[in-house]
């Protein structure tokens, strides 16, 4: 959970000082909403695990808060094909989570850390490739890791045996934060590359225009489209 808290602290500081305003503007979400979600994740992570009876343990930062965050982001996406793509990305991230955590059982700290890193990096990549937008990437990582954790717990408890049903623990919080950050970094890298390419196209078109050639609207479309890949 240390990795996730460090990433969250950095994100919260960037949001608080307005250094992430451009990102949230492109995201279509007010920066204060991002700050509230980040703060809720931090609070949920530091609150001790909640135990219900003898067979269920829950971490708010790794279970309840990501679900709420996913629902909020999905609401901003709206009822359209982007939401369907987000749902498919979420299922794919869940598949990555299940495959990784079944192969790497959380028997010690090292195994938990390894599973968290794999799920985070691979899950973030899958969310980026399928989601194709900032909102979809974030929402599918949050929802996908939680869904995968639910399926993994069912396998641990009723398939393998000897485990307690524990939602949001065993590195889930770290996986969510790593996946969100890495997925967004990949997306921003691609957007920046596209923008650089568009800049060159605009410059070349301007030079051609000065030479007497026509400039069309299509030459500038990619330059202004950096929210959806």
C-alpha atoms as a PDB file:
ATOM      1  CA  UNK A   1       0.000   0.000   0.000  1.00  0.00           C
ATOM      2  CA  UNK A   2       3.022   2.282   0.382  1.00  0.00           C
ATOM      3  CA  UNK A   3       3.454   2.672  -3.389  1.00  0.00           C
ATOM      4  CA  UNK A   4      -0.177   3.634  -3.838  1.00  0.00           C
ATOM      5  CA  UNK A   5      -0.103   6.179  -1.022  1.00  0.00           C
ATOM      6  CA  UNK A   6       3.035   7.830  -2.409  1.00  0.00           C
ATOM      7  CA  UNK A   7       1.462   8.105  -5.876  1.00  0.00           C
ATOM      8  CA  UNK A   8      -1.755   9.463  -4.379  1.00  0.00           C
ATOM      9  CA  UNK A   9       0.106  12.035  -2.305  1.00  0.00           C
ATOM     10  CA  UNK A  10       1.911  13.315  -5.417  1.00  0.00           C
ATOM     11  CA  UNK A  11      -1.371  13.439  -7.366  1.00  0.00           C
ATOM     12  CA  UNK A  12      -3.169  15.258  -4.545  1.00  0.00           C
ATOM     13  CA  UNK A  13      -0.378  17.865  -4.338  1.00  0.00           C
ATOM     14  CA  UNK A  14      -0.474  18.449  -8.105  1.00  0.00           C
ATOM     15  CA  UNK A  15      -4.251  18.903  -8.011  1.00  0.00           C
ATOM     16  CA  UNK A  16      -4.185  21.132  -4.928  1.00  0.00           C
ATOM     17  CA  UNK A  17      -1.674  23.550  -6.453  1.00  0.00           C
ATOM     18  CA  UNK A  18      -3.479  23.610  -9.806  1.00  0.00           C
ATOM     19  CA  UNK A  19      -0.708  21.834 -11.691  1.00  0.00           C
ATOM     20  CA  UNK A  20      -3.151  19.237 -13.042  1.00  0.00           C
ATOM     21  CA  UNK A  21      -5.861  21.678 -14.209  1.00  0.00           C
ATOM     22  CA  UNK A  22      -5.118  21.115 -17.911  1.00  0.00           C
ATOM     23  CA  UNK A  23      -5.412  17.351 -17.466  1.00  0.00           C
ATOM     24  CA  UNK A  24      -8.825  17.634 -15.780  1.00  0.00           C
ATOM     25  CA  UNK A  25      -9.964  20.122 -18.424  1.00  0.00           C
ATOM     26  CA  UNK A  26      -9.171  17.543 -21.113  1.00  0.00           C
ATOM     27  CA  UNK A  27     -10.788  14.904 -18.922  1.00  0.00           C
ATOM     28  CA  UNK A  28     -13.998  16.905 -18.799  1.00  0.00           C
ATOM     29  CA  UNK A  29     -14.105  16.693 -15.011  1.00  0.00           C
ATOM     30  CA  UNK A  30     -13.727  19.529 -12.514  1.00  0.00           C
ATOM     31  CA  UNK A  31     -10.377  19.389 -10.719  1.00  0.00           C
ATOM     32  CA  UNK A  32     -12.087  19.453  -7.323  1.00  0.00           C
ATOM     33  CA  UNK A  33     -13.782  16.134  -8.150  1.00  0.00           C
ATOM     34  CA  UNK A  34     -10.388  14.601  -8.850  1.00  0.00           C
ATOM     35  CA  UNK A  35      -9.077  15.991  -5.573  1.00  0.00           C
ATOM     36  CA  UNK A  36     -12.053  14.568  -3.651  1.00  0.00           C
ATOM     37  CA  UNK A  37     -11.540  11.120  -5.204  1.00  0.00           C
ATOM     38  CA  UNK A  38      -7.811  11.217  -4.402  1.00  0.00           C
ATOM     39  CA  UNK A  39      -8.519  12.347  -0.842  1.00  0.00           C
ATOM     40  CA  UNK A  40     -11.164   9.640  -0.408  1.00  0.00           C
ATOM     41  CA  UNK A  41      -8.703   7.001  -1.588  1.00  0.00           C
ATOM     42  CA  UNK A  42      -6.091   8.225   0.893  1.00  0.00           C
ATOM     43  CA  UNK A  43      -8.563   8.267   3.781  1.00  0.00           C
ATOM     44  CA  UNK A  44      -9.934   4.861   2.806  1.00  0.00           C
ATOM     45  CA  UNK A  45      -6.429   3.418   2.626  1.00  0.00           C
ATOM     46  CA  UNK A  46      -5.299   4.629   6.049  1.00  0.00           C
ATOM     47  CA  UNK A  47      -8.479   3.543   7.818  1.00  0.00           C
ATOM     48  CA  UNK A  48      -7.925   0.089   9.368  1.00  0.00           C
ATOM     49  CA  UNK A  49      -9.458  -2.870   7.583  1.00  0.00           C
ATOM     50  CA  UNK A  50     -13.072  -3.540   8.467  1.00  0.00           C
ATOM     51  CA  UNK A  51     -13.724  -7.086   9.668  1.00  0.00           C
ATOM     52  CA  UNK A  52     -17.205  -8.577   9.482  1.00  0.00           C
ATOM     53  CA  UNK A  53     -17.557 -11.811  11.416  1.00  0.00           C
ATOM     54  CA  UNK A  54     -14.701 -14.264  11.026  1.00  0.00           C
ATOM     55  CA  UNK A  55     -14.729 -14.696   7.272  1.00  0.00           C
ATOM     56  CA  UNK A  56     -14.806 -11.254   5.649  1.00  0.00           C
ATOM     57  CA  UNK A  57     -12.274  -8.389   5.641  1.00  0.00           C
ATOM     58  CA  UNK A  58     -12.640  -5.167   3.664  1.00  0.00           C
ATOM     59  CA  UNK A  59     -10.363  -2.196   2.952  1.00  0.00           C
ATOM     60  CA  UNK A  60     -12.286   0.951   2.018  1.00  0.00           C
ATOM     61  CA  UNK A  61      -9.478   2.398  -0.129  1.00  0.00           C
ATOM     62  CA  UNK A  62      -9.112  -0.786  -2.141  1.00  0.00           C
ATOM     63  CA  UNK A  63     -12.774  -1.698  -2.464  1.00  0.00           C
ATOM     64  CA  UNK A  64     -15.551   0.827  -1.744  1.00  0.00           C
ATOM     65  CA  UNK A  65     -13.853   4.056  -2.886  1.00  0.00           C
ATOM     66  CA  UNK A  66     -12.680   2.655  -6.277  1.00  0.00           C
ATOM     67  CA  UNK A  67     -16.215   1.448  -6.982  1.00  0.00           C
ATOM     68  CA  UNK A  68     -17.610   4.911  -6.248  1.00  0.00           C
ATOM     69  CA  UNK A  69     -14.848   6.498  -8.357  1.00  0.00           C
ATOM     70  CA  UNK A  70     -15.614   4.164 -11.261  1.00  0.00           C
ATOM     71  CA  UNK A  71     -19.342   5.005 -11.096  1.00  0.00           C
ATOM     72  CA  UNK A  72     -18.628   8.757 -11.041  1.00  0.00           C
ATOM     73  CA  UNK A  73     -16.275   8.532 -14.034  1.00  0.00           C
ATOM     74  CA  UNK A  74     -18.715   6.290 -15.924  1.00  0.00           C
ATOM     75  CA  UNK A  75     -21.425   8.918 -15.368  1.00  0.00           C
ATOM     76  CA  UNK A  76     -19.194  11.522 -17.038  1.00  0.00           C
ATOM     77  CA  UNK A  77     -18.646   9.173 -19.986  1.00  0.00           C
ATOM     78  CA  UNK A  78     -22.400   8.960 -20.556  1.00  0.00           C
ATOM     79  CA  UNK A  79     -24.638   6.367 -22.146  1.00  0.00           C
ATOM     80  CA  UNK A  80     -22.823   5.781 -25.450  1.00  0.00           C
ATOM     81  CA  UNK A  81     -20.345   3.495 -27.199  1.00  0.00           C
ATOM     82  CA  UNK A  82     -17.514   4.864 -25.074  1.00  0.00           C
ATOM     83  CA  UNK A  83     -19.262   3.361 -22.043  1.00  0.00           C
ATOM     84  CA  UNK A  84     -19.441  -0.024 -23.800  1.00  0.00           C
ATOM     85  CA  UNK A  85     -15.736   0.216 -24.614  1.00  0.00           C
ATOM     86  CA  UNK A  86     -15.038   1.079 -20.982  1.00  0.00           C
ATOM     87  CA  UNK A  87     -16.997  -2.005 -19.867  1.00  0.00           C
ATOM     88  CA  UNK A  88     -14.971  -4.237 -22.196  1.00  0.00           C
ATOM     89  CA  UNK A  89     -11.735  -2.664 -20.949  1.00  0.00           C
ATOM     90  CA  UNK A  90     -12.886  -3.260 -17.370  1.00  0.00           C
ATOM     91  CA  UNK A  91     -13.524  -6.958 -18.053  1.00  0.00           C
ATOM     92  CA  UNK A  92     -10.094  -7.225 -19.697  1.00  0.00           C
ATOM     93  CA  UNK A  93      -8.370  -5.626 -16.693  1.00  0.00           C
ATOM     94  CA  UNK A  94     -10.274  -8.024 -14.427  1.00  0.00           C
ATOM     95  CA  UNK A  95      -8.974 -10.938 -16.516  1.00  0.00           C
ATOM     96  CA  UNK A  96      -5.397  -9.672 -16.088  1.00  0.00           C
ATOM     97  CA  UNK A  97      -5.946  -9.386 -12.339  1.00  0.00           C
ATOM     98  CA  UNK A  98      -7.379 -12.907 -12.028  1.00  0.00           C
ATOM     99  CA  UNK A  99      -4.694 -14.543 -14.173  1.00  0.00           C
ATOM    100  CA  UNK A 100      -1.865 -12.813 -12.310  1.00  0.00           C
ATOM    101  CA  UNK A 101      -3.104 -13.343  -8.787  1.00  0.00           C
ATOM    102  CA  UNK A 102      -4.031 -16.972  -9.333  1.00  0.00           C
ATOM    103  CA  UNK A 103      -0.549 -17.717 -10.668  1.00  0.00           C
ATOM    104  CA  UNK A 104       1.152 -15.618  -7.968  1.00  0.00           C
ATOM    105  CA  UNK A 105      -0.529 -16.528  -4.691  1.00  0.00           C
ATOM    106  CA  UNK A 106      -0.222 -13.831  -1.973  1.00  0.00           C
ATOM    107  CA  UNK A 107       1.712 -15.975   0.476  1.00  0.00           C
ATOM    108  CA  UNK A 108       4.276 -13.325   1.440  1.00  0.00           C
ATOM    109  CA  UNK A 109       5.093  -9.643   0.986  1.00  0.00           C
ATOM    110  CA  UNK A 110       7.293 -10.250  -2.043  1.00  0.00           C
ATOM    111  CA  UNK A 111       4.584 -12.167  -3.889  1.00  0.00           C
ATOM    112  CA  UNK A 112       1.995  -9.511  -3.080  1.00  0.00           C
ATOM    113  CA  UNK A 113       4.308  -6.764  -4.374  1.00  0.00           C
ATOM    114  CA  UNK A 114       5.094  -8.702  -7.561  1.00  0.00           C
ATOM    115  CA  UNK A 115       1.405  -9.293  -8.264  1.00  0.00           C
ATOM    116  CA  UNK A 116       0.603  -5.626  -7.577  1.00  0.00           C
ATOM    117  CA  UNK A 117       3.232  -4.404 -10.043  1.00  0.00           C
ATOM    118  CA  UNK A 118       2.207  -6.846 -12.779  1.00  0.00           C
ATOM    119  CA  UNK A 119      -1.500  -6.111 -12.416  1.00  0.00           C
ATOM    120  CA  UNK A 120      -0.798  -2.376 -12.268  1.00  0.00           C
ATOM    121  CA  UNK A 121       1.448  -2.130 -15.323  1.00  0.00           C
ATOM    122  CA  UNK A 122      -0.289  -4.722 -17.511  1.00  0.00           C
ATOM    123  CA  UNK A 123      -3.763  -3.683 -16.395  1.00  0.00           C
ATOM    124  CA  UNK A 124      -3.002  -0.006 -17.034  1.00  0.00           C
ATOM    125  CA  UNK A 125      -1.717  -0.847 -20.513  1.00  0.00           C
ATOM    126  CA  UNK A 126      -4.801  -2.918 -21.338  1.00  0.00           C
ATOM    127  CA  UNK A 127      -7.118  -0.179 -20.043  1.00  0.00           C
ATOM    128  CA  UNK A 128      -5.312   2.399 -22.187  1.00  0.00           C
ATOM    129  CA  UNK A 129      -5.335   0.281 -25.347  1.00  0.00           C
ATOM    130  CA  UNK A 130      -9.013  -0.681 -25.105  1.00  0.00           C
ATOM    131  CA  UNK A 131     -10.481   2.337 -23.318  1.00  0.00           C
ATOM    132  CA  UNK A 132      -8.784   4.838 -25.642  1.00  0.00           C
ATOM    133  CA  UNK A 133      -9.677   7.829 -23.477  1.00  0.00           C
ATOM    134  CA  UNK A 134      -8.691   9.277 -20.130  1.00  0.00           C
ATOM    135  CA  UNK A 135     -12.067   8.629 -18.502  1.00  0.00           C
ATOM    136  CA  UNK A 136     -12.300   5.051 -19.781  1.00  0.00           C
ATOM    137  CA  UNK A 137      -8.735   4.261 -18.736  1.00  0.00           C
ATOM    138  CA  UNK A 138      -9.242   5.444 -15.167  1.00  0.00           C
ATOM    139  CA  UNK A 139     -12.712   3.928 -14.765  1.00  0.00           C
ATOM    140  CA  UNK A 140     -11.774   0.556 -16.249  1.00  0.00           C
ATOM    141  CA  UNK A 141      -8.711   0.210 -14.011  1.00  0.00           C
ATOM    142  CA  UNK A 142     -10.728   0.986 -10.877  1.00  0.00           C
ATOM    143  CA  UNK A 143     -13.641  -1.238 -11.767  1.00  0.00           C
ATOM    144  CA  UNK A 144     -11.556  -3.965 -13.380  1.00  0.00           C
ATOM    145  CA  UNK A 145      -9.164  -4.488 -10.467  1.00  0.00           C
ATOM    146  CA  UNK A 146     -12.052  -4.582  -7.964  1.00  0.00           C
ATOM    147  CA  UNK A 147     -13.990  -7.046 -10.121  1.00  0.00           C
ATOM    148  CA  UNK A 148     -10.869  -9.165 -10.545  1.00  0.00           C
ATOM    149  CA  UNK A 149     -10.311  -9.068  -6.788  1.00  0.00           C
ATOM    150  CA  UNK A 150     -13.848 -10.358  -6.229  1.00  0.00           C
ATOM    151  CA  UNK A 151     -13.320 -13.269  -8.618  1.00  0.00           C
ATOM    152  CA  UNK A 152      -9.900 -14.028  -7.114  1.00  0.00           C
ATOM    153  CA  UNK A 153     -11.383 -14.141  -3.623  1.00  0.00           C
ATOM    154  CA  UNK A 154     -14.014 -16.608  -4.780  1.00  0.00           C
ATOM    155  CA  UNK A 155     -11.213 -18.789  -6.172  1.00  0.00           C
ATOM    156  CA  UNK A 156      -9.038 -18.420  -3.062  1.00  0.00           C
ATOM    157  CA  UNK A 157     -11.818 -19.180  -0.579  1.00  0.00           C
ATOM    158  CA  UNK A 158     -13.949 -21.752  -2.391  1.00  0.00           C
ATOM    159  CA  UNK A 159     -11.447 -23.185  -4.850  1.00  0.00           C
ATOM    160  CA  UNK A 160      -8.051 -23.297  -3.158  1.00  0.00           C
ATOM    161  CA  UNK A 161      -9.215 -22.986   0.448  1.00  0.00           C
ATOM    162  CA  UNK A 162      -7.381 -21.672   3.496  1.00  0.00           C
ATOM    163  CA  UNK A 163      -7.986 -17.986   2.684  1.00  0.00           C
ATOM    164  CA  UNK A 164     -10.282 -15.380   4.210  1.00  0.00           C
ATOM    165  CA  UNK A 165     -12.619 -13.454   1.886  1.00  0.00           C
ATOM    166  CA  UNK A 166     -10.690 -10.174   1.823  1.00  0.00           C
ATOM    167  CA  UNK A 167     -11.770  -7.374  -0.537  1.00  0.00           C
ATOM    168  CA  UNK A 168      -9.382  -4.529  -1.317  1.00  0.00           C
ATOM    169  CA  UNK A 169      -6.370  -6.038   0.451  1.00  0.00           C
ATOM    170  CA  UNK A 170      -3.332  -8.070  -0.724  1.00  0.00           C
ATOM    171  CA  UNK A 171      -1.948  -5.216  -2.859  1.00  0.00           C
ATOM    172  CA  UNK A 172      -5.204  -4.269  -4.604  1.00  0.00           C
ATOM    173  CA  UNK A 173      -4.863  -0.599  -3.635  1.00  0.00           C
ATOM    174  CA  UNK A 174      -1.358  -0.415  -5.119  1.00  0.00           C
ATOM    175  CA  UNK A 175      -2.515  -2.176  -8.298  1.00  0.00           C
ATOM    176  CA  UNK A 176      -5.285   0.379  -8.815  1.00  0.00           C
ATOM    177  CA  UNK A 177      -3.015   3.391  -8.358  1.00  0.00           C
ATOM    178  CA  UNK A 178      -0.177   1.981 -10.473  1.00  0.00           C
ATOM    179  CA  UNK A 179      -2.642   0.993 -13.207  1.00  0.00           C
ATOM    180  CA  UNK A 180      -4.331   4.414 -13.275  1.00  0.00           C
ATOM    181  CA  UNK A 181      -1.057   6.360 -13.320  1.00  0.00           C
ATOM    182  CA  UNK A 182       0.704   4.115 -15.850  1.00  0.00           C
ATOM    183  CA  UNK A 183      -2.327   3.938 -18.165  1.00  0.00           C
ATOM    184  CA  UNK A 184      -2.686   7.729 -18.173  1.00  0.00           C
ATOM    185  CA  UNK A 185       1.054   8.229 -18.747  1.00  0.00           C
ATOM    186  CA  UNK A 186       0.890   5.940 -21.785  1.00  0.00           C
ATOM    187  CA  UNK A 187      -2.147   7.782 -23.124  1.00  0.00           C
ATOM    188  CA  UNK A 188      -0.545  11.188 -22.607  1.00  0.00           C
ATOM    189  CA  UNK A 189       2.630  10.001 -24.338  1.00  0.00           C
ATOM    190  CA  UNK A 190       0.602   8.942 -27.381  1.00  0.00           C
ATOM    191  CA  UNK A 191      -1.375  12.200 -27.364  1.00  0.00           C
ATOM    192  CA  UNK A 192       1.861  14.190 -27.169  1.00  0.00           C
ATOM    193  CA  UNK A 193       3.320  12.217 -30.069  1.00  0.00           C
ATOM    194  CA  UNK A 194       0.187  12.864 -32.123  1.00  0.00           C
ATOM    195  CA  UNK A 195       0.323  16.538 -31.248  1.00  0.00           C
ATOM    196  CA  UNK A 196       3.963  16.740 -32.324  1.00  0.00           C
ATOM    197  CA  UNK A 197       3.079  15.036 -35.601  1.00  0.00           C
ATOM    198  CA  UNK A 198       0.165  17.434 -36.109  1.00  0.00           C
ATOM    199  CA  UNK A 199       2.440  20.392 -35.410  1.00  0.00           C
ATOM    200  CA  UNK A 200       4.744  19.232 -38.169  1.00  0.00           C
ATOM    201  CA  UNK A 201       1.781  18.748 -40.509  1.00  0.00           C
ATOM    202  CA  UNK A 202       0.471  22.237 -39.725  1.00  0.00           C
ATOM    203  CA  UNK A 203       3.927  23.734 -40.271  1.00  0.00           C
ATOM    204  CA  UNK A 204       4.350  21.888 -43.563  1.00  0.00           C
ATOM    205  CA  UNK A 205       0.845  22.861 -44.667  1.00  0.00           C
ATOM    206  CA  UNK A 206       1.532  26.484 -43.826  1.00  0.00           C
ATOM    207  CA  UNK A 207       4.676  26.377 -45.921  1.00  0.00           C
ATOM    208  CA  UNK A 208       2.739  24.813 -48.776  1.00  0.00           C
ATOM    209  CA  UNK A 209       0.046  27.468 -48.430  1.00  0.00           C
ATOM    210  CA  UNK A 210       2.650  30.163 -48.731  1.00  0.00           C
ATOM    211  CA  UNK A 211       3.707  28.433 -51.920  1.00  0.00           C
ATOM    212  CA  UNK A 212       0.187  28.756 -53.280  1.00  0.00           C
ATOM    213  CA  UNK A 213      -1.439  25.450 -52.208  1.00  0.00           C
ATOM    214  CA  UNK A 214      -4.843  25.275 -50.482  1.00  0.00           C
ATOM    215  CA  UNK A 215      -5.153  24.509 -46.793  1.00  0.00           C
ATOM    216  CA  UNK A 216      -8.062  22.228 -45.842  1.00  0.00           C
ATOM    217  CA  UNK A 217      -9.864  21.775 -42.523  1.00  0.00           C
ATOM    218  CA  UNK A 218      -8.728  18.129 -42.362  1.00  0.00           C
ATOM    219  CA  UNK A 219      -5.139  19.261 -42.018  1.00  0.00           C
ATOM    220  CA  UNK A 220      -5.961  20.671 -38.577  1.00  0.00           C
ATOM    221  CA  UNK A 221      -8.395  18.070 -37.186  1.00  0.00           C
ATOM    222  CA  UNK A 222      -5.799  15.905 -35.441  1.00  0.00           C
ATOM    223  CA  UNK A 223      -4.125  18.934 -33.908  1.00  0.00           C
ATOM    224  CA  UNK A 224      -7.139  19.788 -31.766  1.00  0.00           C
ATOM    225  CA  UNK A 225      -8.221  16.221 -30.944  1.00  0.00           C
ATOM    226  CA  UNK A 226      -6.235  14.982 -27.982  1.00  0.00           C
ATOM    227  CA  UNK A 227      -8.980  13.623 -25.728  1.00  0.00           C
ATOM    228  CA  UNK A 228      -9.783  10.405 -27.612  1.00  0.00           C
ATOM    229  CA  UNK A 229      -7.181   8.261 -29.334  1.00  0.00           C
END
